Protein backbone atom coordinates (compact mmCIF):
# COMPACT_ATOMS: atom_id res chain seq x y z
CA UNK A 1 -235.47 -133.16 -96.77
CA UNK A 2 -234.81 -132.93 -93.05
CA UNK A 3 -235.69 -136.02 -91.04
CA UNK A 4 -236.43 -136.68 -87.41
CA UNK A 5 -233.36 -137.58 -85.37
CA UNK A 6 -233.76 -138.85 -81.83
CA UNK A 7 -231.75 -138.19 -78.70
CA UNK A 8 -232.52 -140.63 -75.89
CA UNK A 9 -232.01 -140.68 -72.17
CA UNK A 10 -232.79 -143.58 -69.88
CA UNK A 11 -235.53 -142.63 -67.44
CA UNK A 12 -236.37 -145.76 -65.48
CA UNK A 13 -235.70 -149.48 -65.37
CA UNK A 14 -238.45 -151.47 -63.73
CA UNK A 15 -237.82 -155.18 -64.00
CA UNK A 16 -236.56 -158.08 -66.04
CA UNK A 17 -237.57 -161.70 -66.34
CA UNK A 18 -239.53 -163.04 -63.38
CA UNK A 19 -236.75 -165.08 -61.78
CA UNK A 20 -234.22 -162.23 -61.96
CA UNK A 21 -236.03 -159.26 -60.47
CA UNK A 22 -234.11 -159.42 -57.19
CA UNK A 23 -230.69 -159.23 -58.83
CA UNK A 24 -228.72 -156.16 -59.87
CA UNK A 25 -227.85 -155.57 -63.51
CA UNK A 26 -224.15 -155.60 -64.19
CA UNK A 27 -224.80 -153.86 -67.52
CA UNK A 28 -227.76 -151.77 -68.63
CA UNK A 29 -229.05 -151.76 -72.22
CA UNK A 30 -227.19 -149.39 -74.56
CA UNK A 31 -228.73 -147.97 -77.73
CA UNK A 32 -226.50 -148.86 -80.70
CA UNK A 33 -228.54 -147.71 -83.67
CA UNK A 34 -232.02 -146.30 -84.11
CA UNK A 35 -234.23 -146.35 -87.18
CA UNK A 36 -235.78 -143.31 -88.77
CA UNK A 37 -239.03 -142.09 -87.24
CA UNK A 38 -241.93 -141.12 -89.52
CA UNK A 39 -242.29 -137.47 -90.46
CA UNK A 40 -244.47 -135.67 -87.96
CA UNK A 41 -246.41 -132.47 -88.67
CA UNK A 42 -244.35 -129.69 -87.10
CA UNK A 43 -247.47 -128.19 -85.53
CA UNK A 44 -247.73 -131.28 -83.32
CA UNK A 45 -244.25 -130.86 -81.81
CA UNK A 46 -242.91 -127.88 -79.89
CA UNK A 47 -239.20 -127.45 -78.97
CA UNK A 48 -239.79 -128.85 -75.48
CA UNK A 49 -241.75 -131.91 -76.61
CA UNK A 50 -240.45 -135.33 -75.57
CA UNK A 51 -241.73 -138.75 -76.51
CA UNK A 52 -241.76 -141.18 -73.60
CA UNK A 53 -241.70 -144.84 -74.59
CA UNK A 54 -242.00 -148.03 -72.53
CA UNK A 55 -240.16 -150.91 -74.15
CA UNK A 56 -239.05 -154.48 -73.58
CA UNK A 57 -235.50 -155.07 -74.81
CA UNK A 58 -234.84 -158.79 -75.14
CA UNK A 59 -231.65 -160.78 -74.57
CA UNK A 60 -230.62 -160.25 -78.22
CA UNK A 61 -230.91 -156.47 -77.95
CA UNK A 62 -234.12 -156.31 -79.99
CA UNK A 63 -237.13 -154.25 -78.96
CA UNK A 64 -239.76 -156.93 -78.45
CA UNK A 65 -242.50 -154.54 -77.32
CA UNK A 66 -242.96 -150.78 -77.43
CA UNK A 67 -245.73 -148.45 -76.31
CA UNK A 68 -245.79 -144.66 -76.06
CA UNK A 69 -246.57 -143.28 -72.61
CA UNK A 70 -246.38 -139.71 -73.90
CA UNK A 71 -247.09 -139.53 -77.63
CA UNK A 72 -247.65 -136.83 -80.21
CA UNK A 73 -251.42 -136.76 -79.87
CA UNK A 74 -251.80 -138.20 -83.37
CA UNK A 75 -252.74 -141.88 -82.99
CA UNK A 76 -251.70 -142.79 -86.54
CA UNK A 77 -248.24 -141.25 -86.17
CA UNK A 78 -247.83 -142.81 -82.74
CA UNK A 79 -248.52 -146.30 -84.14
CA UNK A 80 -245.95 -145.76 -86.91
CA UNK A 81 -243.43 -144.50 -84.36
CA UNK A 82 -243.85 -147.69 -82.30
CA UNK A 83 -243.18 -149.80 -85.40
CA UNK A 84 -240.00 -147.80 -86.03
CA UNK A 85 -238.85 -148.09 -82.41
CA UNK A 86 -239.19 -151.87 -82.61
CA UNK A 87 -236.37 -151.80 -85.20
CA UNK A 88 -233.89 -150.15 -82.83
CA UNK A 89 -230.76 -152.09 -81.91
CA UNK A 90 -229.46 -152.32 -78.34
CA UNK A 91 -226.62 -153.92 -76.50
CA UNK A 92 -228.77 -156.07 -74.16
CA UNK A 93 -228.77 -155.79 -70.40
CA UNK A 94 -226.82 -158.51 -68.61
CA UNK A 95 -226.43 -160.16 -65.23
CA UNK A 96 -223.14 -161.90 -64.53
CA UNK A 97 -222.28 -161.50 -68.23
CA UNK A 98 -225.47 -163.27 -69.29
CA UNK A 99 -227.90 -161.24 -71.47
CA UNK A 100 -231.40 -160.81 -70.06
CA UNK A 101 -234.75 -159.27 -71.01
CA UNK A 102 -235.52 -155.93 -69.39
CA UNK A 103 -238.32 -153.39 -69.37
CA UNK A 104 -237.29 -149.75 -69.48
CA UNK A 105 -238.70 -146.30 -70.09
CA UNK A 106 -236.84 -143.87 -72.34
CA UNK A 107 -237.43 -140.19 -72.92
CA UNK A 108 -236.82 -139.19 -76.55
CA UNK A 109 -236.08 -135.70 -77.83
CA UNK A 110 -237.03 -135.14 -81.48
CA UNK A 111 -234.98 -132.89 -83.73
CA UNK A 112 -235.08 -132.23 -87.48
CA UNK A 113 -231.73 -132.64 -89.25
CA UNK A 114 -230.57 -133.27 -92.79
CA UNK A 115 -229.58 -136.95 -93.20
CA UNK A 116 -225.87 -137.60 -93.74
CA UNK A 117 -225.49 -140.64 -96.00
CA UNK A 118 -222.17 -142.37 -96.67
CA UNK A 119 -221.17 -145.86 -97.84
CA UNK A 120 -219.78 -147.79 -94.87
CA UNK A 121 -218.04 -151.00 -93.94
CA UNK A 122 -217.15 -152.06 -90.43
CA UNK A 123 -215.24 -154.63 -88.40
CA UNK A 124 -217.00 -155.41 -85.11
CA UNK A 125 -214.73 -156.91 -82.44
CA UNK A 126 -215.54 -158.59 -79.13
CA UNK A 127 -212.72 -156.85 -77.27
CA UNK A 128 -210.55 -153.75 -77.40
CA UNK A 129 -207.42 -155.88 -77.69
CA UNK A 130 -208.80 -157.58 -80.80
CA UNK A 131 -209.75 -154.21 -82.28
CA UNK A 132 -206.22 -152.90 -81.66
CA UNK A 133 -204.77 -155.98 -83.36
CA UNK A 134 -207.03 -155.39 -86.37
CA UNK A 135 -206.06 -151.71 -86.46
CA UNK A 136 -202.39 -152.68 -86.47
CA UNK A 137 -202.96 -154.95 -89.46
CA UNK A 138 -204.85 -152.19 -91.29
CA UNK A 139 -202.03 -149.74 -90.62
CA UNK A 140 -199.63 -152.24 -92.18
CA UNK A 141 -201.71 -152.38 -95.36
CA UNK A 142 -204.10 -155.23 -94.52
CA UNK A 143 -207.22 -155.54 -96.66
CA UNK A 144 -210.28 -154.26 -94.78
CA UNK A 145 -212.68 -156.80 -96.29
CA UNK A 146 -210.43 -159.76 -95.56
CA UNK A 147 -209.91 -158.62 -91.97
CA UNK A 148 -213.68 -158.15 -91.53
CA UNK A 149 -214.25 -161.68 -92.80
CA UNK A 150 -211.74 -163.00 -90.28
CA UNK A 151 -212.41 -160.86 -87.20
CA UNK A 152 -215.93 -159.38 -87.38
CA UNK A 153 -218.19 -160.96 -84.75
CA UNK A 154 -221.50 -160.21 -86.46
CA UNK A 155 -223.15 -161.11 -89.77
CA UNK A 156 -221.06 -158.51 -91.62
CA UNK A 157 -218.30 -161.11 -91.78
CA UNK A 158 -220.32 -162.66 -94.62
CA UNK A 159 -220.17 -159.42 -96.64
CA UNK A 160 -216.52 -158.54 -95.93
CA UNK A 161 -217.77 -155.96 -93.46
CA UNK A 162 -219.81 -154.07 -96.06
CA UNK A 163 -222.87 -152.26 -94.62
CA UNK A 164 -223.92 -150.18 -97.62
CA UNK A 165 -225.48 -146.72 -97.62
CA UNK A 166 -226.07 -145.55 -94.05
CA UNK A 167 -227.34 -142.36 -92.47
CA UNK A 168 -224.66 -141.78 -89.84
CA UNK A 169 -227.10 -139.77 -87.72
CA UNK A 170 -228.81 -143.04 -86.80
CA UNK A 171 -225.73 -143.97 -84.76
CA UNK A 172 -225.10 -142.52 -81.27
CA UNK A 173 -223.60 -139.02 -81.22
CA UNK A 174 -220.24 -140.32 -80.03
CA UNK A 175 -219.97 -142.26 -83.30
CA UNK A 176 -221.82 -140.09 -85.81
CA UNK A 177 -219.69 -137.02 -85.16
CA UNK A 178 -216.61 -139.07 -86.14
CA UNK A 179 -218.26 -140.62 -89.19
CA UNK A 180 -219.31 -137.18 -90.47
CA UNK A 181 -215.64 -136.22 -90.76
CA UNK A 182 -214.46 -139.49 -92.29
CA UNK A 183 -212.88 -139.18 -95.74
CA UNK A 184 -213.33 -141.74 -98.53
CA UNK A 185 -211.10 -144.80 -97.96
CA UNK A 186 -210.33 -143.61 -94.42
CA UNK A 187 -211.02 -145.82 -91.39
CA UNK A 188 -211.60 -144.94 -87.76
CA UNK A 189 -209.79 -145.85 -84.59
CA UNK A 190 -211.58 -148.52 -82.53
CA UNK A 191 -214.82 -147.00 -81.20
CA UNK A 192 -216.80 -148.30 -78.25
CA UNK A 193 -220.05 -149.85 -79.50
CA UNK A 194 -222.06 -151.13 -76.58
CA UNK A 195 -219.80 -153.69 -74.90
CA UNK A 196 -217.81 -154.23 -78.08
CA UNK A 197 -215.54 -152.19 -80.35
CA UNK A 198 -215.95 -151.25 -83.99
CA UNK A 199 -213.72 -149.90 -86.76
CA UNK A 200 -215.59 -148.15 -89.57
CA UNK A 201 -214.35 -147.46 -93.09
CA UNK A 202 -215.90 -145.03 -95.55
CA UNK A 203 -216.12 -146.47 -99.06
CA UNK A 204 -216.47 -144.79 -102.42
CA UNK A 205 -219.93 -143.51 -103.29
CA UNK A 206 -221.08 -146.60 -105.17
CA UNK A 207 -223.04 -149.55 -103.83
CA UNK A 208 -220.22 -152.05 -103.80
CA UNK A 209 -217.49 -152.93 -101.37
CA UNK A 210 -214.59 -151.57 -103.38
């Protein structure tokens, strides 16, 4: 079954926490991964339809608040969409390398596509240099899980980098087009992921980290 995939563009940024409104943002929020939106009756959406959402992205990159400025016209679907949007993951905005809360408005294009599920692991690195060092170790035969445990800078270090079954279309286009072509047991080059870098590996089609 085809599912709704979103394509976002930043429309407007209109403030952050009260004591920071006069400062410029050194980095704007970047969408890292979105969650699946509920199925919407096709009659409610024409090819030119765009959702417009106002959201507060907090200093951890979580969507703390979300409200539709331009919705589908179906109040029940709109409420479910807001719940889904609150699960989106962002690289937070920052000032002088310090993460901050920020309000923003995003315009969202909806498109039906078949989901593309694969079993994934990743190693998330704080810097490109670290990612290159990890890649070098992988190219020399290093174990992906052990390297994830040592170098990954998120909670995946506790699972040897294992993410499980993922729909790659929920990642940004720059990443999902690479993951679509990834063969079993193949890993990517370091890919920019917000302000960090990630190496993905496609695992065998079983829910384990072998």
